[in-house]
Amino acid sequence: MGPEFGRGLPRAFFDRDVLEVAPELVHRVFAVADGRAGRIVEVEAYRGADDPAAHSFRGRTARNATMFGPPGHLYVYLSYGLHWCCNATCGNGAGVLIRAVRPLAGIEAMRAARGRPRREIDLANGPGKVGQAFGIDRGHDGEDLVAGSRVAILDDGHRDTRPLLVTPRIGISKAADFPWRWVAPD
């Protein structure tokens, strides 16, 4: 994860209310050590004990323990028994699901990991596709995003002044009406 993708975010960035952190992750760079990187373009917030849709709603388990650790780590879980999904933790059971990423580097590695989709936009345009495109699996659960040895979220200074689209979360049945999904325009 070279300097061309910016600097790592400090722990204090993640150690805030997830509803503040989530929209600020849009336009940041998600990167892994082998050079794959992309701009985060869609996220959803999950607010722990205050959110019946959060994996941490009923408390700490072996599966969701990372959500209760220090902020700024990667919580990885298997969705529908098929797809590894990743979240940036904010402490106290809260986290931000990385729903979509626009590829910036390592595109051929992403294509190989995803079965060679024809369109670049299809490489990481869903939470399971993000995990697959970036080679994320259960072994990445608990990775420190601040230390950034294998996975990091970086700030490359890119800013888009257009307002984010704010919508209810998708693909869930509980608390589905909460407007906790942020999407970059376009």
N, C-alpha and C. Protein backbone atom coordinates (compact mmCIF):
# COMPACT_ATOMS: atom_id res chain seq x y z
N MET A 1 0.85 -1.17 0.00
CA MET A 1 0.00 0.00 0.00
C MET A 1 0.89 1.22 0.00
N GLY A 2 1.18 1.65 -1.20
CA GLY A 2 2.12 2.75 -1.36
C GLY A 2 1.51 4.11 -1.11
N PRO A 3 2.38 5.11 -1.07
CA PRO A 3 1.93 6.48 -0.80
C PRO A 3 1.02 7.06 -1.88
N GLU A 4 1.00 6.44 -3.09
CA GLU A 4 0.12 6.96 -4.14
C GLU A 4 -1.35 6.87 -3.77
N PHE A 5 -1.66 6.04 -2.77
CA PHE A 5 -3.05 5.91 -2.35
C PHE A 5 -3.34 6.70 -1.08
N GLY A 6 -2.41 7.49 -0.62
CA GLY A 6 -2.65 8.37 0.51
C GLY A 6 -2.14 7.83 1.82
N ARG A 7 -2.55 8.49 2.85
CA ARG A 7 -2.12 8.13 4.20
C ARG A 7 -3.23 7.39 4.92
N GLY A 8 -2.82 6.59 5.89
CA GLY A 8 -3.79 5.85 6.67
C GLY A 8 -4.61 6.77 7.56
N LEU A 9 -5.79 6.33 7.88
CA LEU A 9 -6.65 7.09 8.78
C LEU A 9 -6.27 6.78 10.22
N PRO A 10 -6.31 7.77 11.11
CA PRO A 10 -5.96 7.52 12.51
C PRO A 10 -7.07 6.77 13.24
N ARG A 11 -6.72 6.15 14.33
CA ARG A 11 -7.70 5.41 15.13
C ARG A 11 -8.87 6.32 15.53
N ALA A 12 -8.58 7.57 15.84
CA ALA A 12 -9.63 8.52 16.26
C ALA A 12 -10.70 8.69 15.19
N PHE A 13 -10.33 8.54 13.92
CA PHE A 13 -11.32 8.65 12.84
C PHE A 13 -12.43 7.62 13.05
N PHE A 14 -12.05 6.39 13.39
CA PHE A 14 -13.02 5.30 13.55
C PHE A 14 -13.71 5.32 14.92
N ASP A 15 -13.12 5.99 15.89
CA ASP A 15 -13.62 5.99 17.26
C ASP A 15 -14.65 7.10 17.47
N ARG A 16 -15.69 7.05 16.63
CA ARG A 16 -16.79 8.01 16.69
C ARG A 16 -18.08 7.28 16.39
N ASP A 17 -19.19 7.98 16.47
CA ASP A 17 -20.47 7.39 16.14
C ASP A 17 -20.43 6.89 14.70
N VAL A 18 -20.90 5.67 14.50
CA VAL A 18 -20.87 5.04 13.17
C VAL A 18 -21.63 5.87 12.13
N LEU A 19 -22.63 6.65 12.57
CA LEU A 19 -23.38 7.48 11.62
C LEU A 19 -22.57 8.69 11.16
N GLU A 20 -21.50 9.03 11.86
CA GLU A 20 -20.56 10.05 11.39
C GLU A 20 -19.49 9.43 10.52
N VAL A 21 -19.00 8.27 10.93
CA VAL A 21 -17.90 7.62 10.22
C VAL A 21 -18.34 7.15 8.83
N ALA A 22 -19.50 6.51 8.75
CA ALA A 22 -19.93 5.87 7.49
C ALA A 22 -19.89 6.82 6.29
N PRO A 23 -20.56 7.98 6.32
CA PRO A 23 -20.51 8.83 5.13
C PRO A 23 -19.12 9.37 4.84
N GLU A 24 -18.27 9.48 5.86
CA GLU A 24 -16.92 9.98 5.65
C GLU A 24 -16.00 8.92 5.05
N LEU A 25 -16.42 7.66 5.03
CA LEU A 25 -15.63 6.62 4.37
C LEU A 25 -15.83 6.63 2.86
N VAL A 26 -16.95 7.19 2.41
CA VAL A 26 -17.18 7.29 0.97
C VAL A 26 -16.11 8.21 0.38
N HIS A 27 -15.52 7.79 -0.72
CA HIS A 27 -14.42 8.46 -1.43
C HIS A 27 -13.04 8.14 -0.86
N ARG A 28 -12.95 7.40 0.26
CA ARG A 28 -11.64 6.97 0.77
C ARG A 28 -11.21 5.75 -0.06
N VAL A 29 -9.96 5.34 0.11
CA VAL A 29 -9.41 4.24 -0.68
C VAL A 29 -9.28 2.99 0.18
N PHE A 30 -9.88 1.91 -0.28
CA PHE A 30 -9.75 0.60 0.35
C PHE A 30 -8.62 -0.10 -0.38
N ALA A 31 -7.62 -0.60 0.36
CA ALA A 31 -6.44 -1.18 -0.28
C ALA A 31 -5.97 -2.42 0.47
N VAL A 32 -5.40 -3.34 -0.29
CA VAL A 32 -4.78 -4.53 0.30
C VAL A 32 -3.31 -4.57 -0.11
N ALA A 33 -2.52 -5.34 0.63
CA ALA A 33 -1.06 -5.32 0.51
C ALA A 33 -0.53 -5.70 -0.87
N ASP A 34 -1.28 -6.47 -1.65
CA ASP A 34 -0.77 -6.89 -2.97
C ASP A 34 -0.95 -5.84 -4.06
N GLY A 35 -1.44 -4.66 -3.71
CA GLY A 35 -1.58 -3.57 -4.67
C GLY A 35 -2.98 -3.31 -5.17
N ARG A 36 -3.94 -4.17 -4.83
CA ARG A 36 -5.32 -3.90 -5.23
C ARG A 36 -5.85 -2.73 -4.38
N ALA A 37 -6.49 -1.79 -5.05
CA ALA A 37 -7.03 -0.62 -4.36
C ALA A 37 -8.23 -0.10 -5.13
N GLY A 38 -9.15 0.53 -4.39
CA GLY A 38 -10.31 1.12 -5.03
C GLY A 38 -10.96 2.16 -4.14
N ARG A 39 -11.70 3.05 -4.79
CA ARG A 39 -12.39 4.11 -4.06
C ARG A 39 -13.72 3.59 -3.53
N ILE A 40 -13.95 3.76 -2.26
CA ILE A 40 -15.22 3.35 -1.64
C ILE A 40 -16.32 4.26 -2.16
N VAL A 41 -17.39 3.65 -2.71
CA VAL A 41 -18.47 4.45 -3.29
C VAL A 41 -19.84 4.16 -2.66
N GLU A 42 -19.90 3.16 -1.79
CA GLU A 42 -21.18 2.84 -1.14
C GLU A 42 -20.91 2.15 0.19
N VAL A 43 -21.59 2.61 1.24
CA VAL A 43 -21.44 2.04 2.58
C VAL A 43 -22.80 1.97 3.28
N GLU A 44 -22.85 1.16 4.33
CA GLU A 44 -24.02 1.13 5.22
C GLU A 44 -23.52 1.09 6.66
N ALA A 45 -24.22 1.78 7.54
CA ALA A 45 -23.88 1.80 8.96
C ALA A 45 -24.72 0.78 9.71
N TYR A 46 -24.09 0.13 10.69
CA TYR A 46 -24.76 -0.81 11.60
C TYR A 46 -24.35 -0.39 13.00
N ARG A 47 -25.35 -0.09 13.85
CA ARG A 47 -25.12 0.62 15.10
C ARG A 47 -25.19 -0.24 16.35
N GLY A 48 -24.83 -1.48 16.27
CA GLY A 48 -24.71 -2.31 17.47
C GLY A 48 -26.01 -2.53 18.20
N ALA A 49 -26.01 -2.30 19.51
CA ALA A 49 -27.16 -2.57 20.37
C ALA A 49 -28.38 -1.74 20.01
N ASP A 50 -28.20 -0.64 19.29
CA ASP A 50 -29.31 0.22 18.87
C ASP A 50 -29.90 -0.18 17.53
N ASP A 51 -29.43 -1.29 16.96
CA ASP A 51 -29.77 -1.62 15.58
C ASP A 51 -30.07 -3.11 15.43
N PRO A 52 -31.35 -3.48 15.33
CA PRO A 52 -31.71 -4.89 15.21
C PRO A 52 -31.14 -5.60 13.98
N ALA A 53 -30.64 -4.86 12.99
CA ALA A 53 -30.05 -5.48 11.80
C ALA A 53 -28.55 -5.77 11.99
N ALA A 54 -27.95 -5.24 13.05
CA ALA A 54 -26.51 -5.43 13.28
C ALA A 54 -26.23 -6.83 13.82
N HIS A 55 -25.13 -7.41 13.38
CA HIS A 55 -24.71 -8.72 13.90
C HIS A 55 -24.45 -8.68 15.39
N SER A 56 -24.17 -7.50 15.91
CA SER A 56 -23.83 -7.32 17.32
C SER A 56 -25.03 -6.95 18.19
N PHE A 57 -26.21 -6.89 17.62
CA PHE A 57 -27.40 -6.43 18.34
C PHE A 57 -27.64 -7.21 19.63
N ARG A 58 -27.46 -8.51 19.61
CA ARG A 58 -27.73 -9.35 20.78
C ARG A 58 -26.51 -9.56 21.67
N GLY A 59 -25.41 -8.87 21.36
CA GLY A 59 -24.22 -8.97 22.20
C GLY A 59 -23.08 -9.70 21.52
N ARG A 60 -22.02 -9.83 22.25
CA ARG A 60 -20.77 -10.40 21.74
C ARG A 60 -20.87 -11.92 21.60
N THR A 61 -20.38 -12.43 20.47
CA THR A 61 -20.26 -13.86 20.23
C THR A 61 -18.87 -14.11 19.64
N ALA A 62 -18.52 -15.35 19.46
CA ALA A 62 -17.24 -15.67 18.82
C ALA A 62 -17.20 -15.09 17.41
N ARG A 63 -18.34 -15.15 16.72
CA ARG A 63 -18.40 -14.67 15.33
C ARG A 63 -18.19 -13.17 15.21
N ASN A 64 -18.79 -12.39 16.12
CA ASN A 64 -18.77 -10.94 15.97
C ASN A 64 -17.82 -10.23 16.94
N ALA A 65 -16.93 -10.96 17.59
CA ALA A 65 -16.05 -10.39 18.63
C ALA A 65 -15.27 -9.17 18.14
N THR A 66 -14.86 -9.16 16.89
CA THR A 66 -14.10 -8.03 16.36
C THR A 66 -14.90 -6.73 16.46
N MET A 67 -16.22 -6.81 16.34
CA MET A 67 -17.06 -5.62 16.43
C MET A 67 -16.97 -4.95 17.81
N PHE A 68 -16.61 -5.74 18.82
CA PHE A 68 -16.56 -5.22 20.18
C PHE A 68 -15.14 -4.84 20.60
N GLY A 69 -14.18 -5.03 19.72
CA GLY A 69 -12.80 -4.66 20.01
C GLY A 69 -12.57 -3.19 19.73
N PRO A 70 -11.30 -2.82 19.66
CA PRO A 70 -10.98 -1.41 19.39
C PRO A 70 -11.48 -0.98 18.01
N PRO A 71 -11.83 0.29 17.87
CA PRO A 71 -12.23 0.80 16.56
C PRO A 71 -11.08 0.71 15.56
N GLY A 72 -11.43 0.68 14.27
CA GLY A 72 -10.44 0.71 13.22
C GLY A 72 -9.90 -0.65 12.83
N HIS A 73 -10.71 -1.68 13.02
CA HIS A 73 -10.33 -3.03 12.60
C HIS A 73 -11.31 -3.51 11.54
N LEU A 74 -10.96 -4.59 10.87
CA LEU A 74 -11.81 -5.16 9.83
C LEU A 74 -12.60 -6.32 10.41
N TYR A 75 -13.92 -6.22 10.36
CA TYR A 75 -14.80 -7.32 10.76
C TYR A 75 -15.23 -8.00 9.48
N VAL A 76 -14.94 -9.30 9.37
CA VAL A 76 -15.25 -10.06 8.17
C VAL A 76 -16.24 -11.16 8.55
N TYR A 77 -17.30 -11.30 7.77
CA TYR A 77 -18.28 -12.36 8.01
C TYR A 77 -18.72 -12.97 6.69
N LEU A 78 -19.23 -14.18 6.78
CA LEU A 78 -19.71 -14.90 5.61
C LEU A 78 -21.20 -14.64 5.46
N SER A 79 -21.60 -14.14 4.31
CA SER A 79 -22.99 -13.81 4.03
C SER A 79 -23.62 -14.91 3.18
N TYR A 80 -24.75 -15.41 3.62
CA TYR A 80 -25.49 -16.46 2.92
C TYR A 80 -24.63 -17.68 2.63
N GLY A 81 -23.60 -17.90 3.43
CA GLY A 81 -22.73 -19.05 3.25
C GLY A 81 -21.89 -19.00 1.99
N LEU A 82 -21.85 -17.83 1.33
CA LEU A 82 -21.16 -17.71 0.04
C LEU A 82 -20.12 -16.60 -0.05
N HIS A 83 -20.42 -15.45 0.51
CA HIS A 83 -19.63 -14.25 0.25
C HIS A 83 -19.02 -13.67 1.52
N TRP A 84 -17.72 -13.37 1.48
CA TRP A 84 -17.08 -12.69 2.59
C TRP A 84 -17.32 -11.20 2.45
N CYS A 85 -17.87 -10.60 3.50
CA CYS A 85 -18.15 -9.16 3.51
C CYS A 85 -17.29 -8.49 4.56
N CYS A 86 -16.95 -7.22 4.34
CA CYS A 86 -16.06 -6.55 5.28
C CYS A 86 -16.64 -5.24 5.79
N ASN A 87 -16.34 -4.99 7.05
CA ASN A 87 -16.81 -3.82 7.75
C ASN A 87 -15.66 -3.16 8.49
N ALA A 88 -15.64 -1.85 8.53
CA ALA A 88 -14.72 -1.11 9.38
C ALA A 88 -15.40 -0.93 10.72
N THR A 89 -14.73 -1.33 11.81
CA THR A 89 -15.36 -1.25 13.13
C THR A 89 -15.22 0.14 13.73
N CYS A 90 -16.24 0.49 14.53
CA CYS A 90 -16.25 1.76 15.23
C CYS A 90 -16.36 1.56 16.75
N GLY A 91 -16.16 0.33 17.21
CA GLY A 91 -16.24 0.03 18.64
C GLY A 91 -17.67 -0.16 19.10
N ASN A 92 -17.83 -0.77 20.26
CA ASN A 92 -19.15 -0.99 20.88
C ASN A 92 -20.13 -1.70 19.96
N GLY A 93 -19.65 -2.58 19.12
CA GLY A 93 -20.53 -3.37 18.26
C GLY A 93 -20.96 -2.67 16.99
N ALA A 94 -20.44 -1.49 16.71
CA ALA A 94 -20.83 -0.73 15.52
C ALA A 94 -19.81 -0.92 14.40
N GLY A 95 -20.31 -0.87 13.16
CA GLY A 95 -19.41 -1.01 12.03
C GLY A 95 -20.02 -0.48 10.76
N VAL A 96 -19.16 -0.28 9.76
CA VAL A 96 -19.57 0.23 8.46
C VAL A 96 -19.30 -0.84 7.42
N LEU A 97 -20.35 -1.33 6.80
CA LEU A 97 -20.24 -2.31 5.73
C LEU A 97 -19.76 -1.60 4.46
N ILE A 98 -18.68 -2.12 3.87
CA ILE A 98 -18.19 -1.60 2.60
C ILE A 98 -18.99 -2.30 1.50
N ARG A 99 -19.95 -1.60 0.92
CA ARG A 99 -20.87 -2.20 -0.05
C ARG A 99 -20.36 -2.18 -1.48
N ALA A 100 -19.59 -1.16 -1.85
CA ALA A 100 -19.11 -1.09 -3.24
C ALA A 100 -17.84 -0.24 -3.30
N VAL A 101 -16.96 -0.64 -4.22
CA VAL A 101 -15.68 0.02 -4.41
C VAL A 101 -15.44 0.17 -5.92
N ARG A 102 -14.97 1.35 -6.34
CA ARG A 102 -14.59 1.58 -7.73
C ARG A 102 -13.10 1.27 -7.87
N PRO A 103 -12.72 0.28 -8.66
CA PRO A 103 -11.31 -0.13 -8.78
C PRO A 103 -10.40 1.00 -9.25
N LEU A 104 -9.21 1.06 -8.62
CA LEU A 104 -8.18 2.03 -9.00
C LEU A 104 -6.89 1.35 -9.44
N ALA A 105 -6.53 0.24 -8.79
CA ALA A 105 -5.27 -0.44 -9.08
C ALA A 105 -5.42 -1.93 -8.80
N GLY A 106 -4.59 -2.72 -9.46
CA GLY A 106 -4.67 -4.17 -9.28
C GLY A 106 -5.89 -4.74 -9.96
N ILE A 107 -6.31 -4.11 -11.02
CA ILE A 107 -7.56 -4.49 -11.70
C ILE A 107 -7.47 -5.90 -12.28
N GLU A 108 -6.34 -6.28 -12.82
CA GLU A 108 -6.21 -7.64 -13.37
C GLU A 108 -6.32 -8.69 -12.26
N ALA A 109 -5.75 -8.40 -11.09
CA ALA A 109 -5.88 -9.33 -9.96
C ALA A 109 -7.34 -9.43 -9.52
N MET A 110 -8.06 -8.31 -9.55
CA MET A 110 -9.48 -8.32 -9.21
C MET A 110 -10.25 -9.14 -10.24
N ARG A 111 -9.95 -8.96 -11.51
CA ARG A 111 -10.62 -9.74 -12.57
C ARG A 111 -10.40 -11.23 -12.35
N ALA A 112 -9.16 -11.61 -12.06
CA ALA A 112 -8.85 -13.02 -11.85
C ALA A 112 -9.61 -13.56 -10.64
N ALA A 113 -9.69 -12.79 -9.58
CA ALA A 113 -10.39 -13.22 -8.36
C ALA A 113 -11.89 -13.32 -8.57
N ARG A 114 -12.43 -12.51 -9.47
CA ARG A 114 -13.88 -12.45 -9.69
C ARG A 114 -14.34 -13.29 -10.88
N GLY A 115 -13.45 -14.02 -11.51
CA GLY A 115 -13.89 -14.81 -12.66
C GLY A 115 -13.97 -14.03 -13.94
N ARG A 116 -13.23 -12.96 -14.01
CA ARG A 116 -13.09 -12.15 -15.22
C ARG A 116 -14.40 -11.52 -15.73
N PRO A 117 -15.10 -10.74 -14.91
CA PRO A 117 -16.27 -10.03 -15.44
C PRO A 117 -15.83 -9.08 -16.56
N ARG A 118 -16.68 -8.90 -17.52
CA ARG A 118 -16.34 -8.07 -18.68
C ARG A 118 -16.21 -6.59 -18.34
N ARG A 119 -17.10 -6.09 -17.51
CA ARG A 119 -17.09 -4.66 -17.22
C ARG A 119 -16.37 -4.38 -15.90
N GLU A 120 -15.53 -3.39 -15.90
CA GLU A 120 -14.78 -3.01 -14.70
C GLU A 120 -15.72 -2.65 -13.55
N ILE A 121 -16.84 -2.03 -13.85
CA ILE A 121 -17.80 -1.61 -12.83
C ILE A 121 -18.36 -2.82 -12.05
N ASP A 122 -18.33 -3.99 -12.66
CA ASP A 122 -18.88 -5.19 -12.01
C ASP A 122 -17.88 -5.90 -11.09
N LEU A 123 -16.67 -5.40 -10.99
CA LEU A 123 -15.65 -6.06 -10.17
C LEU A 123 -15.97 -6.02 -8.69
N ALA A 124 -16.45 -4.89 -8.19
CA ALA A 124 -16.65 -4.74 -6.74
C ALA A 124 -17.89 -3.91 -6.43
N ASN A 125 -18.98 -4.15 -7.18
CA ASN A 125 -20.20 -3.36 -7.00
C ASN A 125 -21.23 -4.08 -6.15
N GLY A 126 -20.79 -4.67 -5.07
CA GLY A 126 -21.64 -5.33 -4.09
C GLY A 126 -20.75 -5.81 -2.96
N PRO A 127 -21.28 -5.95 -1.75
CA PRO A 127 -20.42 -6.30 -0.61
C PRO A 127 -19.69 -7.63 -0.76
N GLY A 128 -20.33 -8.64 -1.32
CA GLY A 128 -19.66 -9.92 -1.55
C GLY A 128 -18.61 -9.81 -2.65
N LYS A 129 -18.89 -8.99 -3.66
CA LYS A 129 -17.94 -8.79 -4.75
C LYS A 129 -16.70 -8.04 -4.25
N VAL A 130 -16.88 -7.12 -3.30
CA VAL A 130 -15.73 -6.42 -2.72
C VAL A 130 -14.80 -7.43 -2.07
N GLY A 131 -15.36 -8.29 -1.22
CA GLY A 131 -14.54 -9.30 -0.55
C GLY A 131 -13.81 -10.18 -1.55
N GLN A 132 -14.52 -10.64 -2.55
CA GLN A 132 -13.92 -11.52 -3.55
C GLN A 132 -12.86 -10.79 -4.37
N ALA A 133 -13.16 -9.60 -4.85
CA ALA A 133 -12.22 -8.85 -5.69
C ALA A 133 -10.92 -8.51 -4.96
N PHE A 134 -11.02 -8.29 -3.66
CA PHE A 134 -9.84 -7.91 -2.87
C PHE A 134 -9.21 -9.09 -2.13
N GLY A 135 -9.74 -10.29 -2.34
CA GLY A 135 -9.15 -11.47 -1.71
C GLY A 135 -9.37 -11.53 -0.21
N ILE A 136 -10.46 -10.95 0.26
CA ILE A 136 -10.78 -10.93 1.70
C ILE A 136 -11.47 -12.24 2.07
N ASP A 137 -11.07 -12.81 3.19
CA ASP A 137 -11.73 -14.00 3.73
C ASP A 137 -11.68 -13.94 5.26
N ARG A 138 -12.13 -14.99 5.91
CA ARG A 138 -12.21 -15.01 7.38
C ARG A 138 -10.84 -14.74 8.02
N GLY A 139 -9.77 -15.11 7.33
CA GLY A 139 -8.43 -14.87 7.85
C GLY A 139 -8.08 -13.40 8.01
N HIS A 140 -8.87 -12.52 7.40
CA HIS A 140 -8.65 -11.08 7.53
C HIS A 140 -9.45 -10.48 8.68
N ASP A 141 -10.32 -11.26 9.30
CA ASP A 141 -11.11 -10.74 10.41
C ASP A 141 -10.18 -10.26 11.52
N GLY A 142 -10.39 -9.04 11.97
CA GLY A 142 -9.57 -8.48 13.03
C GLY A 142 -8.36 -7.68 12.54
N GLU A 143 -8.12 -7.65 11.23
CA GLU A 143 -6.99 -6.88 10.70
C GLU A 143 -7.11 -5.43 11.16
N ASP A 144 -5.98 -4.85 11.53
CA ASP A 144 -5.93 -3.47 11.99
C ASP A 144 -5.85 -2.54 10.78
N LEU A 145 -6.91 -1.81 10.50
CA LEU A 145 -6.95 -0.90 9.36
C LEU A 145 -6.04 0.30 9.54
N VAL A 146 -5.74 0.64 10.78
CA VAL A 146 -4.88 1.78 11.07
C VAL A 146 -3.42 1.41 10.84
N ALA A 147 -3.00 0.25 11.32
CA ALA A 147 -1.62 -0.22 11.09
C ALA A 147 -1.42 -0.52 9.61
N GLY A 148 -2.47 -1.06 8.96
CA GLY A 148 -2.47 -1.26 7.52
C GLY A 148 -1.43 -2.20 6.97
N SER A 149 -1.12 -3.27 7.68
CA SER A 149 -0.11 -4.19 7.15
C SER A 149 -0.65 -5.05 6.01
N ARG A 150 -1.93 -5.47 6.07
CA ARG A 150 -2.52 -6.27 4.99
C ARG A 150 -3.73 -5.60 4.35
N VAL A 151 -4.45 -4.81 5.11
CA VAL A 151 -5.65 -4.12 4.63
C VAL A 151 -5.66 -2.73 5.26
N ALA A 152 -6.03 -1.72 4.48
CA ALA A 152 -6.09 -0.36 5.03
C ALA A 152 -7.19 0.43 4.32
N ILE A 153 -7.63 1.47 5.00
CA ILE A 153 -8.48 2.48 4.39
C ILE A 153 -7.67 3.77 4.44
N LEU A 154 -7.46 4.37 3.27
CA LEU A 154 -6.54 5.49 3.13
C LEU A 154 -7.25 6.75 2.67
N ASP A 155 -6.63 7.88 2.96
CA ASP A 155 -7.12 9.17 2.50
C ASP A 155 -6.12 9.72 1.49
N ASP A 156 -6.54 9.77 0.22
CA ASP A 156 -5.65 10.29 -0.82
C ASP A 156 -5.96 11.75 -1.16
N GLY A 157 -6.80 12.38 -0.35
CA GLY A 157 -7.12 13.79 -0.55
C GLY A 157 -8.24 14.05 -1.54
N HIS A 158 -8.74 13.00 -2.20
CA HIS A 158 -9.82 13.16 -3.17
C HIS A 158 -11.09 13.65 -2.46
N ARG A 159 -11.68 14.67 -2.99
CA ARG A 159 -12.94 15.17 -2.43
C ARG A 159 -13.93 15.39 -3.57
N ASP A 160 -15.15 15.04 -3.34
CA ASP A 160 -16.23 15.28 -4.28
C ASP A 160 -17.24 16.11 -3.52
N THR A 161 -17.50 17.30 -4.00
CA THR A 161 -18.37 18.22 -3.25
C THR A 161 -19.85 17.95 -3.45
N ARG A 162 -20.17 17.07 -4.39
CA ARG A 162 -21.58 16.74 -4.60
C ARG A 162 -22.10 15.96 -3.38
N PRO A 163 -23.35 16.20 -3.00
CA PRO A 163 -23.89 15.48 -1.84
C PRO A 163 -24.02 13.99 -2.13
N LEU A 164 -23.82 13.20 -1.08
CA LEU A 164 -24.01 11.76 -1.19
C LEU A 164 -25.50 11.46 -1.24
N LEU A 165 -25.85 10.37 -1.88
CA LEU A 165 -27.23 9.89 -1.84
C LEU A 165 -27.40 9.15 -0.51
N VAL A 166 -28.48 9.42 0.17
CA VAL A 166 -28.77 8.78 1.45
C VAL A 166 -30.06 8.00 1.29
N THR A 167 -30.01 6.69 1.58
CA THR A 167 -31.18 5.84 1.40
C THR A 167 -31.30 4.87 2.55
N PRO A 168 -32.42 4.17 2.65
CA PRO A 168 -32.49 3.06 3.59
C PRO A 168 -31.51 1.96 3.17
N ARG A 169 -31.11 1.16 4.13
CA ARG A 169 -30.21 0.04 3.83
C ARG A 169 -30.95 -0.99 2.99
N ILE A 170 -30.20 -1.81 2.29
CA ILE A 170 -30.81 -2.79 1.40
C ILE A 170 -30.35 -4.20 1.78
N GLY A 171 -31.15 -5.18 1.38
CA GLY A 171 -30.78 -6.58 1.60
C GLY A 171 -30.95 -7.07 3.01
N ILE A 172 -31.71 -6.35 3.83
CA ILE A 172 -31.96 -6.76 5.21
C ILE A 172 -33.46 -6.75 5.48
N SER A 173 -33.88 -7.44 6.53
CA SER A 173 -35.31 -7.49 6.85
C SER A 173 -35.64 -6.70 8.12
N LYS A 174 -34.69 -6.51 9.02
CA LYS A 174 -34.93 -5.77 10.25
C LYS A 174 -34.37 -4.36 10.11
N ALA A 175 -35.10 -3.40 10.63
CA ALA A 175 -34.68 -1.99 10.60
C ALA A 175 -34.28 -1.55 9.19
N ALA A 176 -34.96 -2.08 8.21
CA ALA A 176 -34.64 -1.79 6.81
C ALA A 176 -34.98 -0.35 6.42
N ASP A 177 -35.79 0.32 7.22
CA ASP A 177 -36.18 1.69 6.87
C ASP A 177 -35.20 2.74 7.39
N PHE A 178 -34.20 2.34 8.18
CA PHE A 178 -33.21 3.31 8.67
C PHE A 178 -32.44 3.88 7.49
N PRO A 179 -32.33 5.19 7.37
CA PRO A 179 -31.61 5.79 6.22
C PRO A 179 -30.10 5.83 6.47
N TRP A 180 -29.51 4.65 6.58
CA TRP A 180 -28.10 4.53 6.96
C TRP A 180 -27.25 3.95 5.85
N ARG A 181 -27.58 4.28 4.62
CA ARG A 181 -26.79 3.86 3.45
C ARG A 181 -26.40 5.14 2.70
N TRP A 182 -25.11 5.24 2.38
CA TRP A 182 -24.60 6.41 1.68
C TRP A 182 -23.93 5.94 0.39
N VAL A 183 -24.25 6.62 -0.71
CA VAL A 183 -23.75 6.25 -2.03
C VAL A 183 -23.19 7.48 -2.72
N ALA A 184 -22.02 7.33 -3.33
CA ALA A 184 -21.43 8.44 -4.09
C ALA A 184 -22.30 8.70 -5.32
N PRO A 185 -22.45 9.95 -5.73
CA PRO A 185 -23.18 10.23 -6.97
C PRO A 185 -22.49 9.54 -8.14
N ASP A 186 -23.25 9.15 -9.14
CA ASP A 186 -22.71 8.45 -10.34
C ASP A 186 -22.28 7.06 -9.99
